[in-house]
Amino acid sequence: MNLPDKGQLFREAFRALKPGGTFAVYDVMQTGAAHPDFPLPWSSVSESSFLEKPETYRMAASAAGFGLEAERARGEFAKEFFAKLAASLAQSGPPPVGLGLVMGPDAQVKIGNMVKGVGAGNIAPVEMIFRKPG
């Protein structure tokens, strides 16, 4: 979601790994039809958000020479995480030091937009494990 050129990411990872090496990706990806509202935790505006569908990652990895070993959608995990986070915040409030400090004064809006996108099935974390042939 932060890198605009997925092909370059995979080419560089392939170049740097020795034969048989593993490259793992855990990224928020677009899993539905709609893009989430801005601001988001990784981007306040559309020009700096590089969400892609899992297919884009698979194609870029394959073009670089990687084989896909495993893939797991983590949308349900994200929903559970955000539900626990909301319960914790309701009980004790935000911590004095945490992601909110890094994201700035609109952190609640950013996280809210992400939660809404995950809840609607439009975005979700996806983990992928690729292997360089060896």
N, C-alpha and C. Protein backbone atom coordinates (compact mmCIF):
# COMPACT_ATOMS: atom_id res chain seq x y z
N MET A 1 0.82 -1.19 0.00
CA MET A 1 0.00 0.00 0.00
C MET A 1 0.86 1.26 0.00
N ASN A 2 2.15 1.10 0.33
CA ASN A 2 3.05 2.26 0.37
C ASN A 2 3.95 2.38 -0.85
N LEU A 3 4.11 1.30 -1.60
CA LEU A 3 5.04 1.30 -2.73
C LEU A 3 4.27 1.29 -4.05
N PRO A 4 4.56 2.25 -4.93
CA PRO A 4 3.80 2.33 -6.17
C PRO A 4 4.18 1.25 -7.19
N ASP A 5 5.41 0.78 -7.18
CA ASP A 5 5.88 -0.14 -8.21
C ASP A 5 6.12 -1.52 -7.62
N LYS A 6 5.08 -2.34 -7.65
CA LYS A 6 5.19 -3.69 -7.08
C LYS A 6 6.20 -4.54 -7.86
N GLY A 7 6.29 -4.32 -9.17
CA GLY A 7 7.26 -5.05 -9.98
C GLY A 7 8.68 -4.80 -9.51
N GLN A 8 9.02 -3.55 -9.24
CA GLN A 8 10.37 -3.24 -8.77
C GLN A 8 10.62 -3.87 -7.41
N LEU A 9 9.64 -3.85 -6.54
CA LEU A 9 9.78 -4.49 -5.23
C LEU A 9 10.18 -5.95 -5.39
N PHE A 10 9.46 -6.68 -6.22
CA PHE A 10 9.74 -8.10 -6.38
C PHE A 10 11.05 -8.35 -7.14
N ARG A 11 11.37 -7.52 -8.11
CA ARG A 11 12.64 -7.69 -8.82
C ARG A 11 13.82 -7.50 -7.88
N GLU A 12 13.74 -6.50 -7.02
CA GLU A 12 14.82 -6.24 -6.07
C GLU A 12 14.93 -7.35 -5.03
N ALA A 13 13.78 -7.82 -4.55
CA ALA A 13 13.80 -8.93 -3.58
C ALA A 13 14.40 -10.17 -4.23
N PHE A 14 14.02 -10.44 -5.48
CA PHE A 14 14.54 -11.61 -6.19
C PHE A 14 16.05 -11.48 -6.38
N ARG A 15 16.51 -10.29 -6.74
CA ARG A 15 17.93 -10.05 -6.94
C ARG A 15 18.72 -10.28 -5.65
N ALA A 16 18.17 -9.84 -4.54
CA ALA A 16 18.89 -9.88 -3.26
C ALA A 16 18.90 -11.27 -2.62
N LEU A 17 17.92 -12.10 -2.93
CA LEU A 17 17.84 -13.41 -2.29
C LEU A 17 18.71 -14.44 -3.00
N LYS A 18 19.25 -15.35 -2.20
CA LYS A 18 19.97 -16.46 -2.82
C LYS A 18 18.96 -17.51 -3.29
N PRO A 19 19.37 -18.41 -4.17
CA PRO A 19 18.44 -19.44 -4.64
C PRO A 19 17.83 -20.21 -3.48
N GLY A 20 16.53 -20.43 -3.56
CA GLY A 20 15.80 -21.12 -2.50
C GLY A 20 15.31 -20.18 -1.41
N GLY A 21 15.66 -18.89 -1.52
CA GLY A 21 15.28 -17.91 -0.51
C GLY A 21 13.78 -17.62 -0.51
N THR A 22 13.31 -17.15 0.63
CA THR A 22 11.89 -16.86 0.83
C THR A 22 11.68 -15.36 0.98
N PHE A 23 10.61 -14.88 0.38
CA PHE A 23 10.22 -13.47 0.52
C PHE A 23 8.77 -13.44 0.97
N ALA A 24 8.51 -12.85 2.11
CA ALA A 24 7.15 -12.78 2.66
C ALA A 24 6.62 -11.35 2.56
N VAL A 25 5.35 -11.25 2.22
CA VAL A 25 4.66 -9.97 2.12
C VAL A 25 3.44 -10.03 3.04
N TYR A 26 3.27 -8.99 3.85
CA TYR A 26 2.06 -8.83 4.65
C TYR A 26 1.63 -7.39 4.42
N ASP A 27 0.58 -7.20 3.64
CA ASP A 27 0.21 -5.86 3.24
C ASP A 27 -1.31 -5.74 3.20
N VAL A 28 -1.79 -4.52 3.38
CA VAL A 28 -3.21 -4.26 3.18
C VAL A 28 -3.42 -4.21 1.67
N MET A 29 -4.40 -4.97 1.19
CA MET A 29 -4.68 -5.05 -0.23
C MET A 29 -6.15 -4.77 -0.49
N GLN A 30 -6.44 -4.39 -1.73
CA GLN A 30 -7.83 -4.15 -2.11
C GLN A 30 -8.47 -5.50 -2.42
N THR A 31 -9.46 -5.87 -1.64
CA THR A 31 -10.11 -7.17 -1.77
C THR A 31 -11.55 -7.06 -2.26
N GLY A 32 -12.03 -5.85 -2.44
CA GLY A 32 -13.38 -5.62 -2.93
C GLY A 32 -13.39 -4.58 -4.02
N ALA A 33 -14.58 -4.12 -4.38
CA ALA A 33 -14.72 -3.20 -5.51
C ALA A 33 -14.40 -1.75 -5.16
N ALA A 34 -14.66 -1.35 -3.94
CA ALA A 34 -14.53 0.07 -3.58
C ALA A 34 -13.22 0.35 -2.85
N HIS A 35 -12.69 1.52 -3.13
CA HIS A 35 -11.51 2.00 -2.39
C HIS A 35 -12.01 2.62 -1.10
N PRO A 36 -11.28 2.43 0.00
CA PRO A 36 -11.73 3.04 1.26
C PRO A 36 -11.62 4.57 1.21
N ASP A 37 -12.36 5.20 2.09
CA ASP A 37 -12.32 6.65 2.21
C ASP A 37 -10.98 7.10 2.78
N PHE A 38 -10.57 8.30 2.42
CA PHE A 38 -9.38 8.92 2.98
C PHE A 38 -9.79 9.88 4.07
N PRO A 39 -8.90 10.11 5.03
CA PRO A 39 -7.53 9.62 5.18
C PRO A 39 -7.50 8.19 5.72
N LEU A 40 -6.36 7.54 5.49
CA LEU A 40 -6.11 6.17 5.97
C LEU A 40 -4.81 6.16 6.76
N PRO A 41 -4.57 5.13 7.55
CA PRO A 41 -3.34 5.11 8.35
C PRO A 41 -2.06 5.27 7.53
N TRP A 42 -2.05 4.80 6.29
CA TRP A 42 -0.83 4.86 5.48
C TRP A 42 -0.83 6.03 4.50
N SER A 43 -1.95 6.73 4.35
CA SER A 43 -2.02 7.79 3.37
C SER A 43 -3.20 8.70 3.64
N SER A 44 -2.95 9.99 3.58
CA SER A 44 -4.03 10.95 3.79
C SER A 44 -4.78 11.29 2.51
N VAL A 45 -4.13 11.04 1.36
CA VAL A 45 -4.73 11.38 0.06
C VAL A 45 -4.49 10.25 -0.94
N SER A 46 -5.32 10.20 -1.97
CA SER A 46 -5.24 9.10 -2.93
C SER A 46 -3.92 9.05 -3.68
N GLU A 47 -3.29 10.19 -3.88
CA GLU A 47 -2.04 10.24 -4.64
C GLU A 47 -0.89 9.48 -3.98
N SER A 48 -0.98 9.21 -2.70
CA SER A 48 0.10 8.50 -2.01
C SER A 48 -0.35 7.13 -1.47
N SER A 49 -1.48 6.65 -1.98
CA SER A 49 -1.96 5.33 -1.61
C SER A 49 -1.82 4.43 -2.82
N PHE A 50 -1.17 3.29 -2.62
CA PHE A 50 -0.89 2.40 -3.74
C PHE A 50 -1.48 1.01 -3.48
N LEU A 51 -2.73 1.01 -3.01
CA LEU A 51 -3.44 -0.25 -2.80
C LEU A 51 -3.56 -0.99 -4.11
N GLU A 52 -3.34 -2.28 -4.07
CA GLU A 52 -3.51 -3.13 -5.23
C GLU A 52 -4.22 -4.40 -4.80
N LYS A 53 -4.75 -5.10 -5.76
CA LYS A 53 -5.40 -6.39 -5.50
C LYS A 53 -4.32 -7.47 -5.35
N PRO A 54 -4.64 -8.55 -4.66
CA PRO A 54 -3.67 -9.64 -4.52
C PRO A 54 -3.13 -10.13 -5.87
N GLU A 55 -3.97 -10.10 -6.91
CA GLU A 55 -3.53 -10.55 -8.23
C GLU A 55 -2.32 -9.76 -8.72
N THR A 56 -2.30 -8.46 -8.41
CA THR A 56 -1.19 -7.61 -8.84
C THR A 56 0.11 -8.08 -8.19
N TYR A 57 0.06 -8.43 -6.92
CA TYR A 57 1.24 -8.93 -6.23
C TYR A 57 1.69 -10.27 -6.83
N ARG A 58 0.72 -11.15 -7.08
CA ARG A 58 1.06 -12.46 -7.64
C ARG A 58 1.71 -12.32 -9.02
N MET A 59 1.14 -11.45 -9.86
CA MET A 59 1.68 -11.27 -11.21
C MET A 59 3.08 -10.65 -11.16
N ALA A 60 3.29 -9.65 -10.29
CA ALA A 60 4.60 -9.01 -10.18
C ALA A 60 5.63 -10.01 -9.66
N ALA A 61 5.25 -10.83 -8.71
CA ALA A 61 6.16 -11.84 -8.17
C ALA A 61 6.52 -12.87 -9.22
N SER A 62 5.53 -13.33 -9.95
CA SER A 62 5.77 -14.33 -11.00
C SER A 62 6.67 -13.76 -12.09
N ALA A 63 6.42 -12.52 -12.49
CA ALA A 63 7.24 -11.88 -13.53
C ALA A 63 8.69 -11.74 -13.08
N ALA A 64 8.90 -11.58 -11.78
CA ALA A 64 10.26 -11.46 -11.24
C ALA A 64 10.94 -12.82 -11.11
N GLY A 65 10.16 -13.90 -11.18
CA GLY A 65 10.73 -15.24 -11.08
C GLY A 65 10.36 -16.03 -9.85
N PHE A 66 9.55 -15.43 -8.95
CA PHE A 66 9.15 -16.11 -7.72
C PHE A 66 8.03 -17.11 -7.98
N GLY A 67 7.96 -18.12 -7.13
CA GLY A 67 6.82 -19.01 -7.06
C GLY A 67 6.06 -18.73 -5.78
N LEU A 68 4.74 -18.77 -5.84
CA LEU A 68 3.91 -18.54 -4.67
C LEU A 68 3.85 -19.82 -3.85
N GLU A 69 4.28 -19.75 -2.61
CA GLU A 69 4.26 -20.90 -1.70
C GLU A 69 2.97 -20.97 -0.89
N ALA A 70 2.51 -19.80 -0.43
CA ALA A 70 1.31 -19.77 0.42
C ALA A 70 0.69 -18.38 0.36
N GLU A 71 -0.62 -18.34 0.56
CA GLU A 71 -1.34 -17.07 0.63
C GLU A 71 -2.47 -17.22 1.63
N ARG A 72 -2.64 -16.20 2.45
CA ARG A 72 -3.70 -16.25 3.45
C ARG A 72 -4.33 -14.87 3.61
N ALA A 73 -5.62 -14.79 3.38
CA ALA A 73 -6.36 -13.55 3.63
C ALA A 73 -6.52 -13.39 5.13
N ARG A 74 -6.31 -12.19 5.61
CA ARG A 74 -6.35 -11.94 7.05
C ARG A 74 -7.46 -10.96 7.43
N GLY A 75 -8.51 -10.89 6.60
CA GLY A 75 -9.62 -9.98 6.88
C GLY A 75 -10.33 -10.27 8.19
N GLU A 76 -10.60 -11.54 8.47
CA GLU A 76 -11.28 -11.88 9.73
C GLU A 76 -10.39 -11.56 10.93
N PHE A 77 -9.10 -11.84 10.78
CA PHE A 77 -8.15 -11.48 11.84
C PHE A 77 -8.19 -9.98 12.10
N ALA A 78 -8.22 -9.18 11.02
CA ALA A 78 -8.25 -7.72 11.18
C ALA A 78 -9.54 -7.27 11.86
N LYS A 79 -10.66 -7.87 11.49
CA LYS A 79 -11.93 -7.51 12.14
C LYS A 79 -11.87 -7.80 13.64
N GLU A 80 -11.34 -8.96 14.01
CA GLU A 80 -11.21 -9.31 15.43
C GLU A 80 -10.26 -8.35 16.15
N PHE A 81 -9.14 -8.03 15.51
CA PHE A 81 -8.17 -7.12 16.09
C PHE A 81 -8.81 -5.76 16.38
N PHE A 82 -9.53 -5.22 15.39
CA PHE A 82 -10.14 -3.90 15.57
C PHE A 82 -11.25 -3.93 16.61
N ALA A 83 -11.99 -5.03 16.71
CA ALA A 83 -13.02 -5.15 17.74
C ALA A 83 -12.40 -5.15 19.13
N LYS A 84 -11.30 -5.89 19.30
CA LYS A 84 -10.59 -5.90 20.59
C LYS A 84 -10.01 -4.53 20.91
N LEU A 85 -9.46 -3.88 19.89
CA LEU A 85 -8.90 -2.55 20.09
C LEU A 85 -9.98 -1.57 20.53
N ALA A 86 -11.13 -1.61 19.88
CA ALA A 86 -12.23 -0.72 20.24
C ALA A 86 -12.69 -0.97 21.67
N ALA A 87 -12.78 -2.23 22.07
CA ALA A 87 -13.19 -2.55 23.44
C ALA A 87 -12.17 -2.03 24.44
N SER A 88 -10.90 -2.20 24.13
CA SER A 88 -9.83 -1.73 25.03
C SER A 88 -9.85 -0.21 25.15
N LEU A 89 -10.03 0.47 24.02
CA LEU A 89 -10.08 1.94 24.04
C LEU A 89 -11.30 2.43 24.81
N ALA A 90 -12.43 1.74 24.67
CA ALA A 90 -13.64 2.13 25.39
C ALA A 90 -13.45 1.99 26.89
N GLN A 91 -12.68 0.98 27.28
CA GLN A 91 -12.48 0.71 28.71
C GLN A 91 -11.44 1.63 29.33
N SER A 92 -10.32 1.84 28.64
CA SER A 92 -9.23 2.58 29.28
C SER A 92 -8.73 3.79 28.51
N GLY A 93 -9.31 4.07 27.35
CA GLY A 93 -8.87 5.23 26.57
C GLY A 93 -7.59 4.93 25.81
N PRO A 94 -7.18 5.87 24.96
CA PRO A 94 -5.98 5.64 24.16
C PRO A 94 -4.72 5.71 25.03
N PRO A 95 -3.70 4.92 24.64
CA PRO A 95 -2.45 4.97 25.38
C PRO A 95 -1.74 6.29 25.11
N PRO A 96 -0.91 6.77 26.03
CA PRO A 96 -0.22 8.04 25.81
C PRO A 96 0.79 7.97 24.65
N VAL A 97 1.35 6.79 24.42
CA VAL A 97 2.29 6.60 23.32
C VAL A 97 1.80 5.42 22.49
N GLY A 98 1.67 5.62 21.20
CA GLY A 98 1.19 4.54 20.33
C GLY A 98 1.04 5.04 18.91
N LEU A 99 0.32 4.27 18.10
CA LEU A 99 0.15 4.63 16.69
C LEU A 99 -0.54 5.98 16.50
N GLY A 100 -1.43 6.32 17.40
CA GLY A 100 -2.11 7.61 17.31
C GLY A 100 -1.13 8.76 17.31
N LEU A 101 -0.07 8.63 18.07
CA LEU A 101 0.96 9.66 18.12
C LEU A 101 1.67 9.77 16.77
N VAL A 102 1.93 8.65 16.14
CA VAL A 102 2.61 8.63 14.85
C VAL A 102 1.71 9.14 13.73
N MET A 103 0.43 8.77 13.77
CA MET A 103 -0.49 9.13 12.69
C MET A 103 -0.99 10.56 12.75
N GLY A 104 -0.84 11.21 13.89
CA GLY A 104 -1.24 12.60 13.99
C GLY A 104 -2.64 12.78 14.54
N PRO A 105 -3.10 14.03 14.51
CA PRO A 105 -4.37 14.37 15.17
C PRO A 105 -5.60 13.71 14.53
N ASP A 106 -5.50 13.28 13.28
CA ASP A 106 -6.65 12.64 12.65
C ASP A 106 -6.55 11.11 12.69
N ALA A 107 -5.81 10.59 13.65
CA ALA A 107 -5.60 9.14 13.77
C ALA A 107 -6.93 8.39 13.89
N GLN A 108 -7.86 8.91 14.66
CA GLN A 108 -9.14 8.21 14.84
C GLN A 108 -9.91 8.11 13.53
N VAL A 109 -9.86 9.16 12.72
CA VAL A 109 -10.53 9.15 11.42
C VAL A 109 -9.85 8.14 10.51
N LYS A 110 -8.51 8.14 10.48
CA LYS A 110 -7.75 7.21 9.64
C LYS A 110 -8.08 5.76 10.00
N ILE A 111 -8.03 5.46 11.28
CA ILE A 111 -8.32 4.09 11.72
C ILE A 111 -9.78 3.75 11.46
N GLY A 112 -10.68 4.71 11.69
CA GLY A 112 -12.09 4.49 11.42
C GLY A 112 -12.36 4.16 9.96
N ASN A 113 -11.69 4.86 9.05
CA ASN A 113 -11.85 4.58 7.62
C ASN A 113 -11.30 3.21 7.25
N MET A 114 -10.20 2.82 7.89
CA MET A 114 -9.65 1.49 7.63
C MET A 114 -10.60 0.41 8.15
N VAL A 115 -11.10 0.60 9.35
CA VAL A 115 -12.04 -0.36 9.95
C VAL A 115 -13.28 -0.50 9.06
N LYS A 116 -13.78 0.63 8.57
CA LYS A 116 -14.95 0.60 7.69
C LYS A 116 -14.64 -0.16 6.41
N GLY A 117 -13.46 0.06 5.82
CA GLY A 117 -13.07 -0.65 4.61
C GLY A 117 -12.91 -2.13 4.82
N VAL A 118 -12.31 -2.51 5.95
CA VAL A 118 -12.15 -3.94 6.28
C VAL A 118 -13.52 -4.57 6.52
N GLY A 119 -14.37 -3.87 7.26
CA GLY A 119 -15.70 -4.39 7.57
C GLY A 119 -16.54 -4.60 6.32
N ALA A 120 -16.37 -3.74 5.32
CA ALA A 120 -17.13 -3.85 4.08
C ALA A 120 -16.52 -4.89 3.13
N GLY A 121 -15.35 -5.40 3.48
CA GLY A 121 -14.69 -6.38 2.62
C GLY A 121 -13.94 -5.78 1.44
N ASN A 122 -13.74 -4.47 1.48
CA ASN A 122 -13.05 -3.81 0.37
C ASN A 122 -11.53 -3.81 0.51
N ILE A 123 -11.04 -3.89 1.74
CA ILE A 123 -9.61 -4.01 1.99
C ILE A 123 -9.39 -5.04 3.09
N ALA A 124 -8.23 -5.63 3.08
CA ALA A 124 -7.87 -6.58 4.13
C ALA A 124 -6.38 -6.83 4.07
N PRO A 125 -5.79 -7.14 5.22
CA PRO A 125 -4.40 -7.60 5.16
C PRO A 125 -4.36 -8.97 4.48
N VAL A 126 -3.32 -9.17 3.69
CA VAL A 126 -3.11 -10.45 3.02
C VAL A 126 -1.65 -10.80 3.22
N GLU A 127 -1.40 -12.05 3.59
CA GLU A 127 -0.01 -12.48 3.70
C GLU A 127 0.28 -13.45 2.56
N MET A 128 1.45 -13.28 1.98
CA MET A 128 1.88 -14.12 0.86
C MET A 128 3.33 -14.52 1.10
N ILE A 129 3.64 -15.75 0.78
CA ILE A 129 5.01 -16.23 0.91
C ILE A 129 5.46 -16.72 -0.46
N PHE A 130 6.56 -16.15 -0.92
CA PHE A 130 7.11 -16.48 -2.24
C PHE A 130 8.48 -17.13 -2.06
N ARG A 131 8.86 -17.96 -3.02
CA ARG A 131 10.17 -18.60 -2.97
C ARG A 131 10.87 -18.39 -4.30
N LYS A 132 12.16 -18.09 -4.16
CA LYS A 132 13.03 -18.00 -5.34
C LYS A 132 13.48 -19.42 -5.67
N PRO A 133 13.30 -19.86 -6.90
CA PRO A 133 13.74 -21.22 -7.24
C PRO A 133 15.21 -21.42 -6.92
N GLY A 134 15.51 -22.62 -6.57
CA GLY A 134 16.91 -22.87 -6.23
C GLY A 134 17.22 -24.28 -6.32
